[in-house]
Amino acid sequence: MTSSILGRQLVACLLNISEARRKDLVETVARAALYNTEGVKREGTTVLNIFNDYDYNRSVITIVASIGSIREAVLSACVKACGLINMCAHTGVHPCLGAVDLIPIYPLGEEVGIEDCAQEARAVAQGLTERVQGTSVFLFGWADSLLQRGLAQRRKEMGWFKKTPDMQAVRPDVGPQPQRRYGLTGVGASPYVMNCNVTINTQDISVGCSIATAIRESTPGGLPGVQVLALPHEGTVEIACNVESVKGDPPSHLTDEPWPSFTIDGQKYCHPPASLITARVAELARRQGVGLEGTALVGFTPHECRRLAEFALSQGIAEFWKEQRRIHM
């Protein structure tokens, strides 16, 4: 299969699990996406990146496969994670509800459509609750068939942002009432969501919260597509941003530099670049006498994800997260 064909059929899952302090466990989960129970490699599947954060006790595993292969890869990783992670013992400063906290599916090529991803996400939700008895799921985005509610709205409805969510009040879309061991998993599909974390040099969480409020999409003058939390992180404050892709062109007053864009089912999408988010955070922090520590992307931009996936698959590299540091492209 040529790389151009692969590129048109690829989807990504940025699997979020509630464990980062046992890195061997996280890698075991990642390998479960790549190899079956007999140790045979799944063709056309790669793990591009594993992002671990000790304070958050959360890892993001970037799995890429064709639309026809993503389900089994993701479900196998989720089954392994559910067997190894017990939410009864979980601690961390990042909000979470489940051992497998989030399963988002994103199209990476124009020939993968909205309904393709929605169907796969719903199948993953059903498959997880069947393979791991006691798991529960809420749906978001394209997988939320009737309302297509976004992830932030669904998380709010489920109590994800609360320090002590009331799991008995949760009404999952698939599966039973959430059990404490597994918690609740969000499963959905949408245009690619980039994760961009900007660290400011202060321990004052109120400064971070004011900045988060100012750049949030829902605030007048905020950045389109940006959902954001301010969290304590390694003795500083991190402005943790989910950068959602938005329909159409960027606002004309925010186009000093180009916004990455792509097309799904004939509809153009774009997202603010990490440099714009960093600059906005830096300016708001400076006004309060606070400096900037740095910016980190959790994984890749949409175009980077596709490009690296095509390369990894063309070279037959399944565990690409081990290789990327020594490969210069």
C-alpha atoms as a PDB file:
ATOM      1  CA  MET A   1       0.000   0.000   0.000  1.00  0.00           C
ATOM      2  CA  THR A   2       1.461   3.370  -0.955  1.00  0.00           C
ATOM      3  CA  SER A   3       1.858   6.166   1.555  1.00  0.00           C
ATOM      4  CA  SER A   4      -0.624   8.342  -0.388  1.00  0.00           C
ATOM      5  CA  ILE A   5      -3.295   5.669  -0.036  1.00  0.00           C
ATOM      6  CA  LEU A   6      -2.465   5.212   3.634  1.00  0.00           C
ATOM      7  CA  GLY A   7      -2.720   8.947   4.210  1.00  0.00           C
ATOM      8  CA  ARG A   8      -6.235   9.088   2.843  1.00  0.00           C
ATOM      9  CA  GLN A   9      -7.440   6.209   5.034  1.00  0.00           C
ATOM     10  CA  LEU A  10      -5.730   6.908   8.351  1.00  0.00           C
ATOM     11  CA  VAL A  11      -7.340   7.829  11.646  1.00  0.00           C
ATOM     12  CA  ALA A  12      -5.720   8.700  14.968  1.00  0.00           C
ATOM     13  CA  CYS A  13      -6.767   7.914  18.518  1.00  0.00           C
ATOM     14  CA  LEU A  14      -5.130   9.953  21.278  1.00  0.00           C
ATOM     15  CA  LEU A  15      -5.893   7.470  24.041  1.00  0.00           C
ATOM     16  CA  ASN A  16      -5.887   9.103  27.506  1.00  0.00           C
ATOM     17  CA  ILE A  17      -5.283   6.751  30.436  1.00  0.00           C
ATOM     18  CA  SER A  18      -5.113   7.572  34.142  1.00  0.00           C
ATOM     19  CA  GLU A  19      -1.561   6.395  34.793  1.00  0.00           C
ATOM     20  CA  ALA A  20       1.865   7.932  34.178  1.00  0.00           C
ATOM     21  CA  ARG A  21       3.966   7.061  37.207  1.00  0.00           C
ATOM     22  CA  ARG A  22       4.443   3.433  36.159  1.00  0.00           C
ATOM     23  CA  LYS A  23       5.888   3.927  32.689  1.00  0.00           C
ATOM     24  CA  ASP A  24       6.333   0.211  32.095  1.00  0.00           C
ATOM     25  CA  LEU A  25       2.588  -0.217  32.615  1.00  0.00           C
ATOM     26  CA  VAL A  26       1.839   2.558  30.107  1.00  0.00           C
ATOM     27  CA  GLU A  27       4.116   0.955  27.511  1.00  0.00           C
ATOM     28  CA  THR A  28       2.380  -2.374  28.105  1.00  0.00           C
ATOM     29  CA  VAL A  29      -0.911  -0.694  27.230  1.00  0.00           C
ATOM     30  CA  ALA A  30       0.632   0.835  24.112  1.00  0.00           C
ATOM     31  CA  ARG A  31       1.991  -2.520  22.951  1.00  0.00           C
ATOM     32  CA  ALA A  32      -1.435  -4.088  23.386  1.00  0.00           C
ATOM     33  CA  ALA A  33      -2.605  -1.827  20.550  1.00  0.00           C
ATOM     34  CA  LEU A  34       0.186  -3.164  18.340  1.00  0.00           C
ATOM     35  CA  TYR A  35       0.322  -6.904  19.024  1.00  0.00           C
ATOM     36  CA  ASN A  36      -2.354  -9.557  19.527  1.00  0.00           C
ATOM     37  CA  THR A  37      -2.388 -11.893  22.506  1.00  0.00           C
ATOM     38  CA  GLU A  38       0.010 -14.265  20.687  1.00  0.00           C
ATOM     39  CA  GLY A  39       2.496 -11.438  20.165  1.00  0.00           C
ATOM     40  CA  VAL A  40       1.841 -11.110  16.438  1.00  0.00           C
ATOM     41  CA  LYS A  41       2.122  -7.556  15.126  1.00  0.00           C
ATOM     42  CA  ARG A  42      -1.015  -5.955  13.759  1.00  0.00           C
ATOM     43  CA  GLU A  43      -0.388  -4.741  10.225  1.00  0.00           C
ATOM     44  CA  GLY A  44      -0.930  -1.096   9.435  1.00  0.00           C
ATOM     45  CA  THR A  45      -0.873   0.109  13.056  1.00  0.00           C
ATOM     46  CA  THR A  46       1.654   2.297  14.848  1.00  0.00           C
ATOM     47  CA  VAL A  47       2.010   4.113  18.159  1.00  0.00           C
ATOM     48  CA  LEU A  48       3.617   7.436  17.313  1.00  0.00           C
ATOM     49  CA  ASN A  49       4.027   8.915  20.772  1.00  0.00           C
ATOM     50  CA  ILE A  50       3.546   8.328  24.496  1.00  0.00           C
ATOM     51  CA  PHE A  51       3.212  11.468  26.609  1.00  0.00           C
ATOM     52  CA  ASN A  52       3.531  10.923  30.382  1.00  0.00           C
ATOM     53  CA  ASP A  53       2.918  13.524  33.063  1.00  0.00           C
ATOM     54  CA  TYR A  54       3.838  12.542  36.613  1.00  0.00           C
ATOM     55  CA  ASP A  55       1.922  15.302  38.434  1.00  0.00           C
ATOM     56  CA  TYR A  56      -1.187  14.706  36.349  1.00  0.00           C
ATOM     57  CA  ASN A  57      -0.706  10.909  36.573  1.00  0.00           C
ATOM     58  CA  ARG A  58      -2.039  10.798  33.034  1.00  0.00           C
ATOM     59  CA  SER A  59      -0.638   9.510  29.753  1.00  0.00           C
ATOM     60  CA  VAL A  60      -1.665  10.116  26.162  1.00  0.00           C
ATOM     61  CA  ILE A  61      -0.905   7.326  23.689  1.00  0.00           C
ATOM     62  CA  THR A  62      -1.104   8.319  20.002  1.00  0.00           C
ATOM     63  CA  ILE A  63      -2.361   5.290  18.049  1.00  0.00           C
ATOM     64  CA  VAL A  64      -2.711   5.513  14.259  1.00  0.00           C
ATOM     65  CA  ALA A  65      -4.221   2.909  11.946  1.00  0.00           C
ATOM     66  CA  SER A  66      -6.537   2.652   8.978  1.00  0.00           C
ATOM     67  CA  ILE A  67     -10.234   3.191   9.623  1.00  0.00           C
ATOM     68  CA  GLY A  68     -10.733  -0.571   9.273  1.00  0.00           C
ATOM     69  CA  SER A  69      -8.081  -1.450  11.861  1.00  0.00           C
ATOM     70  CA  ILE A  70      -8.367   1.226  14.524  1.00  0.00           C
ATOM     71  CA  ARG A  71     -11.168  -0.456  16.488  1.00  0.00           C
ATOM     72  CA  GLU A  72      -9.289  -3.614  17.398  1.00  0.00           C
ATOM     73  CA  ALA A  73      -6.081  -1.729  18.194  1.00  0.00           C
ATOM     74  CA  VAL A  74      -7.849   0.696  20.527  1.00  0.00           C
ATOM     75  CA  LEU A  75     -10.028  -1.921  22.203  1.00  0.00           C
ATOM     76  CA  SER A  76      -7.047  -4.170  22.896  1.00  0.00           C
ATOM     77  CA  ALA A  77      -5.198  -1.277  24.536  1.00  0.00           C
ATOM     78  CA  CYS A  78      -8.278  -0.363  26.583  1.00  0.00           C
ATOM     79  CA  VAL A  79      -8.812  -3.910  27.810  1.00  0.00           C
ATOM     80  CA  LYS A  80      -5.181  -4.033  28.933  1.00  0.00           C
ATOM     81  CA  ALA A  81      -5.461  -0.644  30.662  1.00  0.00           C
ATOM     82  CA  CYS A  82      -8.626  -1.653  32.511  1.00  0.00           C
ATOM     83  CA  GLY A  83      -6.881  -4.749  33.795  1.00  0.00           C
ATOM     84  CA  LEU A  84      -3.894  -2.793  35.114  1.00  0.00           C
ATOM     85  CA  ILE A  85      -5.337   0.511  36.402  1.00  0.00           C
ATOM     86  CA  ASN A  86      -7.600   0.691  39.447  1.00  0.00           C
ATOM     87  CA  MET A  87      -9.290   4.050  39.933  1.00  0.00           C
ATOM     88  CA  CYS A  88      -9.765   3.292  43.633  1.00  0.00           C
ATOM     89  CA  ALA A  89      -6.034   3.958  44.062  1.00  0.00           C
ATOM     90  CA  HIS A  90      -5.601   6.801  41.570  1.00  0.00           C
ATOM     91  CA  THR A  91      -4.184  10.189  42.566  1.00  0.00           C
ATOM     92  CA  GLY A  92      -3.239  13.141  40.347  1.00  0.00           C
ATOM     93  CA  VAL A  93      -3.956  16.843  39.880  1.00  0.00           C
ATOM     94  CA  HIS A  94      -5.556  16.500  36.434  1.00  0.00           C
ATOM     95  CA  PRO A  95      -9.328  15.901  36.328  1.00  0.00           C
ATOM     96  CA  CYS A  96     -10.349  12.400  35.287  1.00  0.00           C
ATOM     97  CA  LEU A  97     -13.247   9.999  35.600  1.00  0.00           C
ATOM     98  CA  GLY A  98     -11.973   6.705  34.208  1.00  0.00           C
ATOM     99  CA  ALA A  99      -9.036   4.310  34.106  1.00  0.00           C
ATOM    100  CA  VAL A 100      -9.385   4.809  30.370  1.00  0.00           C
ATOM    101  CA  ASP A 101     -10.465   8.437  30.546  1.00  0.00           C
ATOM    102  CA  LEU A 102     -10.798   9.431  26.917  1.00  0.00           C
ATOM    103  CA  ILE A 103     -10.968   7.699  23.523  1.00  0.00           C
ATOM    104  CA  PRO A 104     -11.161  10.317  20.739  1.00  0.00           C
ATOM    105  CA  ILE A 105     -11.003   9.258  17.089  1.00  0.00           C
ATOM    106  CA  TYR A 106      -9.812  11.799  14.507  1.00  0.00           C
ATOM    107  CA  PRO A 107      -9.684  11.474  10.702  1.00  0.00           C
ATOM    108  CA  LEU A 108      -6.254  12.143   9.196  1.00  0.00           C
ATOM    109  CA  GLY A 109      -7.182  11.993   5.517  1.00  0.00           C
ATOM    110  CA  GLU A 110      -9.871  13.491   3.338  1.00  0.00           C
ATOM    111  CA  GLU A 111     -11.217  10.076   2.324  1.00  0.00           C
ATOM    112  CA  VAL A 112     -12.172   9.277   5.933  1.00  0.00           C
ATOM    113  CA  GLY A 113     -15.518  10.894   6.579  1.00  0.00           C
ATOM    114  CA  ILE A 114     -17.482  12.035   9.583  1.00  0.00           C
ATOM    115  CA  GLU A 115     -19.822   9.070   9.638  1.00  0.00           C
ATOM    116  CA  ASP A 116     -16.913   6.612   9.289  1.00  0.00           C
ATOM    117  CA  CYS A 117     -15.365   7.957  12.480  1.00  0.00           C
ATOM    118  CA  ALA A 118     -18.702   8.214  14.297  1.00  0.00           C
ATOM    119  CA  GLN A 119     -19.510   4.575  13.568  1.00  0.00           C
ATOM    120  CA  GLU A 120     -16.102   3.403  14.735  1.00  0.00           C
ATOM    121  CA  ALA A 121     -16.353   5.427  17.951  1.00  0.00           C
ATOM    122  CA  ARG A 122     -19.779   3.971  18.764  1.00  0.00           C
ATOM    123  CA  ALA A 123     -18.450   0.478  18.001  1.00  0.00           C
ATOM    124  CA  VAL A 124     -15.491   1.062  20.346  1.00  0.00           C
ATOM    125  CA  ALA A 125     -17.880   2.212  23.082  1.00  0.00           C
ATOM    126  CA  GLN A 126     -20.010  -0.893  22.692  1.00  0.00           C
ATOM    127  CA  GLY A 127     -16.993  -3.169  22.415  1.00  0.00           C
ATOM    128  CA  LEU A 128     -15.374  -1.810  25.578  1.00  0.00           C
ATOM    129  CA  THR A 129     -18.476  -2.356  27.707  1.00  0.00           C
ATOM    130  CA  GLU A 130     -18.816  -5.891  26.309  1.00  0.00           C
ATOM    131  CA  ARG A 131     -15.171  -6.920  26.735  1.00  0.00           C
ATOM    132  CA  VAL A 132     -14.674  -5.359  30.166  1.00  0.00           C
ATOM    133  CA  GLN A 133     -17.773  -5.986  32.237  1.00  0.00           C
ATOM    134  CA  GLY A 134     -18.475  -3.014  34.496  1.00  0.00           C
ATOM    135  CA  THR A 135     -17.100  -0.293  32.205  1.00  0.00           C
ATOM    136  CA  SER A 136     -19.323   2.646  31.284  1.00  0.00           C
ATOM    137  CA  VAL A 137     -19.164   5.212  28.485  1.00  0.00           C
ATOM    138  CA  PHE A 138     -20.443   8.653  27.565  1.00  0.00           C
ATOM    139  CA  LEU A 139     -20.418   9.701  23.910  1.00  0.00           C
ATOM    140  CA  PHE A 140     -19.378  13.049  22.464  1.00  0.00           C
ATOM    141  CA  GLY A 141     -18.882  14.785  19.140  1.00  0.00           C
ATOM    142  CA  TRP A 142     -19.963  12.996  15.989  1.00  0.00           C
ATOM    143  CA  ALA A 143     -20.560   9.802  17.990  1.00  0.00           C
ATOM    144  CA  ASP A 144     -23.266  11.581  20.023  1.00  0.00           C
ATOM    145  CA  SER A 145     -25.741  10.834  17.254  1.00  0.00           C
ATOM    146  CA  LEU A 146     -28.662  13.130  18.039  1.00  0.00           C
ATOM    147  CA  LEU A 147     -27.092  16.195  19.657  1.00  0.00           C
ATOM    148  CA  GLN A 148     -23.384  15.934  18.696  1.00  0.00           C
ATOM    149  CA  ARG A 149     -22.434  17.651  21.949  1.00  0.00           C
ATOM    150  CA  GLY A 150     -18.801  18.637  22.288  1.00  0.00           C
ATOM    151  CA  LEU A 151     -16.366  17.054  24.740  1.00  0.00           C
ATOM    152  CA  ALA A 152     -16.304  20.047  27.109  1.00  0.00           C
ATOM    153  CA  GLN A 153     -20.100  20.077  27.386  1.00  0.00           C
ATOM    154  CA  ARG A 154     -20.315  16.335  27.967  1.00  0.00           C
ATOM    155  CA  ARG A 155     -17.553  16.432  30.573  1.00  0.00           C
ATOM    156  CA  LYS A 156     -19.415  19.170  32.417  1.00  0.00           C
ATOM    157  CA  GLU A 157     -22.608  17.118  32.326  1.00  0.00           C
ATOM    158  CA  MET A 158     -20.750  14.091  33.708  1.00  0.00           C
ATOM    159  CA  GLY A 159     -19.042  16.032  36.528  1.00  0.00           C
ATOM    160  CA  TRP A 160     -15.543  15.586  35.078  1.00  0.00           C
ATOM    161  CA  PHE A 161     -14.410  19.031  36.259  1.00  0.00           C
ATOM    162  CA  LYS A 162     -15.447  18.448  39.889  1.00  0.00           C
ATOM    163  CA  LYS A 163     -12.858  17.432  42.483  1.00  0.00           C
ATOM    164  CA  THR A 164     -15.160  14.685  43.779  1.00  0.00           C
ATOM    165  CA  PRO A 165     -17.636  13.733  41.043  1.00  0.00           C
ATOM    166  CA  ASP A 166     -20.885  12.078  42.117  1.00  0.00           C
ATOM    167  CA  MET A 167     -20.672   8.891  40.075  1.00  0.00           C
ATOM    168  CA  GLN A 168     -24.097   7.758  41.277  1.00  0.00           C
ATOM    169  CA  ALA A 169     -25.625  10.784  39.566  1.00  0.00           C
ATOM    170  CA  VAL A 170     -24.009   9.942  36.213  1.00  0.00           C
ATOM    171  CA  ARG A 171     -26.161   8.458  33.461  1.00  0.00           C
ATOM    172  CA  PRO A 172     -23.840   6.771  30.950  1.00  0.00           C
ATOM    173  CA  ASP A 173     -24.804   6.393  27.292  1.00  0.00           C
ATOM    174  CA  VAL A 174     -23.435   2.841  27.082  1.00  0.00           C
ATOM    175  CA  GLY A 175     -22.925   0.314  29.862  1.00  0.00           C
ATOM    176  CA  PRO A 176     -24.028   0.139  33.501  1.00  0.00           C
ATOM    177  CA  GLN A 177     -23.833   2.693  36.294  1.00  0.00           C
ATOM    178  CA  PRO A 178     -20.110   3.498  36.664  1.00  0.00           C
ATOM    179  CA  GLN A 179     -18.126   1.306  39.028  1.00  0.00           C
ATOM    180  CA  ARG A 180     -15.401   2.818  41.128  1.00  0.00           C
ATOM    181  CA  ARG A 181     -12.649   0.559  39.765  1.00  0.00           C
ATOM    182  CA  TYR A 182     -13.109   1.507  36.097  1.00  0.00           C
ATOM    183  CA  GLY A 183     -14.888   4.840  36.399  1.00  0.00           C
ATOM    184  CA  LEU A 184     -16.350   6.418  33.269  1.00  0.00           C
ATOM    185  CA  THR A 185     -14.833   6.678  29.781  1.00  0.00           C
ATOM    186  CA  GLY A 186     -15.513   9.344  27.156  1.00  0.00           C
ATOM    187  CA  VAL A 187     -15.646   7.995  23.591  1.00  0.00           C
ATOM    188  CA  GLY A 188     -16.193  10.139  20.534  1.00  0.00           C
ATOM    189  CA  ALA A 189     -15.079  11.426  17.176  1.00  0.00           C
ATOM    190  CA  SER A 190     -14.359  14.911  15.882  1.00  0.00           C
ATOM    191  CA  PRO A 191     -11.940  16.915  13.771  1.00  0.00           C
ATOM    192  CA  TYR A 192      -8.428  16.673  15.205  1.00  0.00           C
ATOM    193  CA  VAL A 193      -7.886  18.201  18.653  1.00  0.00           C
ATOM    194  CA  MET A 194      -4.371  19.395  19.426  1.00  0.00           C
ATOM    195  CA  ASN A 195      -3.170  19.586  23.032  1.00  0.00           C
ATOM    196  CA  CYS A 196      -1.003  22.602  23.832  1.00  0.00           C
ATOM    197  CA  ASN A 197       0.275  23.256  27.359  1.00  0.00           C
ATOM    198  CA  VAL A 198       1.869  26.604  28.243  1.00  0.00           C
ATOM    199  CA  THR A 199       3.716  26.887  31.564  1.00  0.00           C
ATOM    200  CA  ILE A 200       3.957  30.188  33.446  1.00  0.00           C
ATOM    201  CA  ASN A 201       6.506  30.934  36.156  1.00  0.00           C
ATOM    202  CA  THR A 202       4.274  31.247  39.216  1.00  0.00           C
ATOM    203  CA  GLN A 203       2.668  29.090  41.865  1.00  0.00           C
ATOM    204  CA  ASP A 204      -0.346  31.399  42.083  1.00  0.00           C
ATOM    205  CA  ILE A 205      -3.182  29.383  40.567  1.00  0.00           C
ATOM    206  CA  SER A 206      -5.417  32.485  40.509  1.00  0.00           C
ATOM    207  CA  VAL A 207      -3.105  34.030  37.897  1.00  0.00           C
ATOM    208  CA  GLY A 208      -3.424  30.905  35.792  1.00  0.00           C
ATOM    209  CA  CYS A 209      -7.199  30.852  36.160  1.00  0.00           C
ATOM    210  CA  SER A 210      -7.496  34.460  35.005  1.00  0.00           C
ATOM    211  CA  ILE A 211      -5.407  33.701  31.921  1.00  0.00           C
ATOM    212  CA  ALA A 212      -7.396  30.535  31.207  1.00  0.00           C
ATOM    213  CA  THR A 213     -10.637  32.492  31.381  1.00  0.00           C
ATOM    214  CA  ALA A 214      -9.316  35.199  29.047  1.00  0.00           C
ATOM    215  CA  ILE A 215      -8.210  32.845  26.238  1.00  0.00           C
ATOM    216  CA  ARG A 216     -11.102  30.368  26.495  1.00  0.00           C
ATOM    217  CA  GLU A 217     -13.296  30.216  23.384  1.00  0.00           C
ATOM    218  CA  SER A 218     -16.467  30.996  25.364  1.00  0.00           C
ATOM    219  CA  THR A 219     -15.033  34.327  26.600  1.00  0.00           C
ATOM    220  CA  PRO A 220     -15.572  37.396  24.370  1.00  0.00           C
ATOM    221  CA  GLY A 221     -12.213  37.972  22.680  1.00  0.00           C
ATOM    222  CA  GLY A 222     -11.081  34.425  23.450  1.00  0.00           C
ATOM    223  CA  LEU A 223      -9.402  32.126  20.926  1.00  0.00           C
ATOM    224  CA  PRO A 224     -11.664  29.994  18.697  1.00  0.00           C
ATOM    225  CA  GLY A 225     -11.568  26.293  19.528  1.00  0.00           C
ATOM    226  CA  VAL A 226      -9.576  26.696  22.742  1.00  0.00           C
ATOM    227  CA  GLN A 227     -10.840  24.844  25.831  1.00  0.00           C
ATOM    228  CA  VAL A 228      -8.527  25.435  28.777  1.00  0.00           C
ATOM    229  CA  LEU A 229      -7.741  24.633  32.402  1.00  0.00           C
ATOM    230  CA  ALA A 230      -5.161  26.133  34.748  1.00  0.00           C
ATOM    231  CA  LEU A 231      -3.485  23.438  36.827  1.00  0.00           C
ATOM    232  CA  PRO A 232      -0.615  23.317  39.360  1.00  0.00           C
ATOM    233  CA  HIS A 233       2.319  21.582  37.727  1.00  0.00           C
ATOM    234  CA  GLU A 234       5.841  20.879  39.025  1.00  0.00           C
ATOM    235  CA  GLY A 235       5.980  24.008  41.163  1.00  0.00           C
ATOM    236  CA  THR A 236       4.534  26.254  38.447  1.00  0.00           C
ATOM    237  CA  VAL A 237       1.120  26.689  36.786  1.00  0.00           C
ATOM    238  CA  GLU A 238       0.264  25.101  33.460  1.00  0.00           C
ATOM    239  CA  ILE A 239      -2.305  26.539  31.069  1.00  0.00           C
ATOM    240  CA  ALA A 240      -3.526  23.248  29.599  1.00  0.00           C
ATOM    241  CA  CYS A 241      -5.347  23.781  26.308  1.00  0.00           C
ATOM    242  CA  ASN A 242      -7.442  21.470  24.163  1.00  0.00           C
ATOM    243  CA  VAL A 243      -7.282  23.155  20.763  1.00  0.00           C
ATOM    244  CA  GLU A 244     -10.313  22.067  18.768  1.00  0.00           C
ATOM    245  CA  SER A 245     -10.475  22.500  15.013  1.00  0.00           C
ATOM    246  CA  VAL A 246     -13.201  24.937  13.929  1.00  0.00           C
ATOM    247  CA  LYS A 247     -15.152  25.162  10.680  1.00  0.00           C
ATOM    248  CA  GLY A 248     -14.235  27.651   7.994  1.00  0.00           C
ATOM    249  CA  ASP A 249     -11.533  30.288   7.937  1.00  0.00           C
ATOM    250  CA  PRO A 250      -9.902  31.931  10.974  1.00  0.00           C
ATOM    251  CA  PRO A 251     -11.097  35.358  12.140  1.00  0.00           C
ATOM    252  CA  SER A 252      -9.452  38.070  10.058  1.00  0.00           C
ATOM    253  CA  HIS A 253      -8.016  39.854  13.113  1.00  0.00           C
ATOM    254  CA  LEU A 254      -6.089  36.729  14.149  1.00  0.00           C
ATOM    255  CA  THR A 255      -4.294  35.949  10.899  1.00  0.00           C
ATOM    256  CA  ASP A 256      -0.872  37.495  11.449  1.00  0.00           C
ATOM    257  CA  GLU A 257       0.409  33.963  10.926  1.00  0.00           C
ATOM    258  CA  PRO A 258      -1.284  31.117   9.043  1.00  0.00           C
ATOM    259  CA  TRP A 259      -3.674  28.744  10.803  1.00  0.00           C
ATOM    260  CA  PRO A 260      -3.159  25.066   9.925  1.00  0.00           C
ATOM    261  CA  SER A 261      -6.146  23.818   7.931  1.00  0.00           C
ATOM    262  CA  PHE A 262      -7.551  20.622   6.419  1.00  0.00           C
ATOM    263  CA  THR A 263     -10.759  19.304   4.823  1.00  0.00           C
ATOM    264  CA  ILE A 264     -13.229  16.625   5.963  1.00  0.00           C
ATOM    265  CA  ASP A 265     -16.210  15.691   3.760  1.00  0.00           C
ATOM    266  CA  GLY A 266     -15.665  18.856   1.750  1.00  0.00           C
ATOM    267  CA  GLN A 267     -15.760  21.110   4.833  1.00  0.00           C
ATOM    268  CA  LYS A 268     -12.716  23.209   5.673  1.00  0.00           C
ATOM    269  CA  TYR A 269     -11.442  23.182   9.271  1.00  0.00           C
ATOM    270  CA  CYS A 270      -8.617  25.121  10.899  1.00  0.00           C
ATOM    271  CA  HIS A 271      -7.124  25.629  14.353  1.00  0.00           C
ATOM    272  CA  PRO A 272      -5.109  28.374  16.029  1.00  0.00           C
ATOM    273  CA  PRO A 273      -1.357  27.681  15.927  1.00  0.00           C
ATOM    274  CA  ALA A 274       0.479  26.938  19.161  1.00  0.00           C
ATOM    275  CA  SER A 275       2.552  30.095  18.656  1.00  0.00           C
ATOM    276  CA  LEU A 276      -0.588  32.260  18.836  1.00  0.00           C
ATOM    277  CA  ILE A 277      -1.731  30.583  22.051  1.00  0.00           C
ATOM    278  CA  THR A 278       1.747  30.966  23.550  1.00  0.00           C
ATOM    279  CA  ALA A 279       1.920  34.643  22.607  1.00  0.00           C
ATOM    280  CA  ARG A 280      -1.508  35.351  24.096  1.00  0.00           C
ATOM    281  CA  VAL A 281      -0.635  33.570  27.359  1.00  0.00           C
ATOM    282  CA  ALA A 282       2.739  35.366  27.530  1.00  0.00           C
ATOM    283  CA  GLU A 283       1.114  38.778  27.114  1.00  0.00           C
ATOM    284  CA  LEU A 284      -1.557  38.116  29.752  1.00  0.00           C
ATOM    285  CA  ALA A 285       1.045  36.739  32.166  1.00  0.00           C
ATOM    286  CA  ARG A 286       3.353  39.722  31.586  1.00  0.00           C
ATOM    287  CA  ARG A 287       0.574  42.107  32.597  1.00  0.00           C
ATOM    288  CA  GLN A 288       0.568  40.375  35.991  1.00  0.00           C
ATOM    289  CA  GLY A 289       4.342  40.390  36.323  1.00  0.00           C
ATOM    290  CA  VAL A 290       4.739  36.696  35.500  1.00  0.00           C
ATOM    291  CA  GLY A 291       7.145  35.179  32.992  1.00  0.00           C
ATOM    292  CA  LEU A 292       6.766  32.273  30.599  1.00  0.00           C
ATOM    293  CA  GLU A 293       8.472  28.915  31.184  1.00  0.00           C
ATOM    294  CA  GLY A 294       7.686  27.242  27.866  1.00  0.00           C
ATOM    295  CA  THR A 295       5.185  25.457  25.638  1.00  0.00           C
ATOM    296  CA  ALA A 296       4.732  21.742  25.011  1.00  0.00           C
ATOM    297  CA  LEU A 297       2.564  19.929  22.489  1.00  0.00           C
ATOM    298  CA  VAL A 298       1.056  16.654  23.687  1.00  0.00           C
ATOM    299  CA  GLY A 299       1.664  14.637  20.550  1.00  0.00           C
ATOM    300  CA  PHE A 300       1.490  16.463  17.236  1.00  0.00           C
ATOM    301  CA  THR A 301      -0.377  18.875  15.028  1.00  0.00           C
ATOM    302  CA  PRO A 302      -2.791  17.170  12.577  1.00  0.00           C
ATOM    303  CA  HIS A 303      -0.382  17.486   9.649  1.00  0.00           C
ATOM    304  CA  GLU A 304       2.573  16.215  11.688  1.00  0.00           C
ATOM    305  CA  CYS A 305       0.525  13.265  12.892  1.00  0.00           C
ATOM    306  CA  ARG A 306      -0.380  12.222   9.368  1.00  0.00           C
ATOM    307  CA  ARG A 307       3.131  12.753   7.990  1.00  0.00           C
ATOM    308  CA  LEU A 308       4.816  10.760  10.758  1.00  0.00           C
ATOM    309  CA  ALA A 309       2.204   7.998  10.568  1.00  0.00           C
ATOM    310  CA  GLU A 310       2.751   7.594   6.828  1.00  0.00           C
ATOM    311  CA  PHE A 311       6.500   7.387   7.419  1.00  0.00           C
ATOM    312  CA  ALA A 312       6.213   4.912  10.325  1.00  0.00           C
ATOM    313  CA  LEU A 313       3.840   2.633   8.436  1.00  0.00           C
ATOM    314  CA  SER A 314       5.845   2.768   5.199  1.00  0.00           C
ATOM    315  CA  GLN A 315       8.895   1.649   7.214  1.00  0.00           C
ATOM    316  CA  GLY A 316       6.987  -0.944   9.235  1.00  0.00           C
ATOM    317  CA  ILE A 317       7.789   0.793  12.549  1.00  0.00           C
ATOM    318  CA  ALA A 318       5.150  -0.158  15.104  1.00  0.00           C
ATOM    319  CA  GLU A 319       6.769   1.259  18.261  1.00  0.00           C
ATOM    320  CA  PHE A 320       7.573   4.606  16.671  1.00  0.00           C
ATOM    321  CA  TRP A 321       7.645   6.399  20.027  1.00  0.00           C
ATOM    322  CA  LYS A 322      11.017   4.728  20.619  1.00  0.00           C
ATOM    323  CA  GLU A 323      12.364   5.798  17.238  1.00  0.00           C
ATOM    324  CA  GLN A 324      11.247   9.379  16.785  1.00  0.00           C
ATOM    325  CA  ARG A 325      14.068  11.005  18.766  1.00  0.00           C
ATOM    326  CA  ARG A 326      16.726   9.565  16.498  1.00  0.00           C
ATOM    327  CA  ILE A 327      14.844  10.087  13.233  1.00  0.00           C
ATOM    328  CA  HIS A 328      15.242  13.573  11.724  1.00  0.00           C
ATOM    329  CA  MET A 329      12.699  14.382   9.038  1.00  0.00           C
END
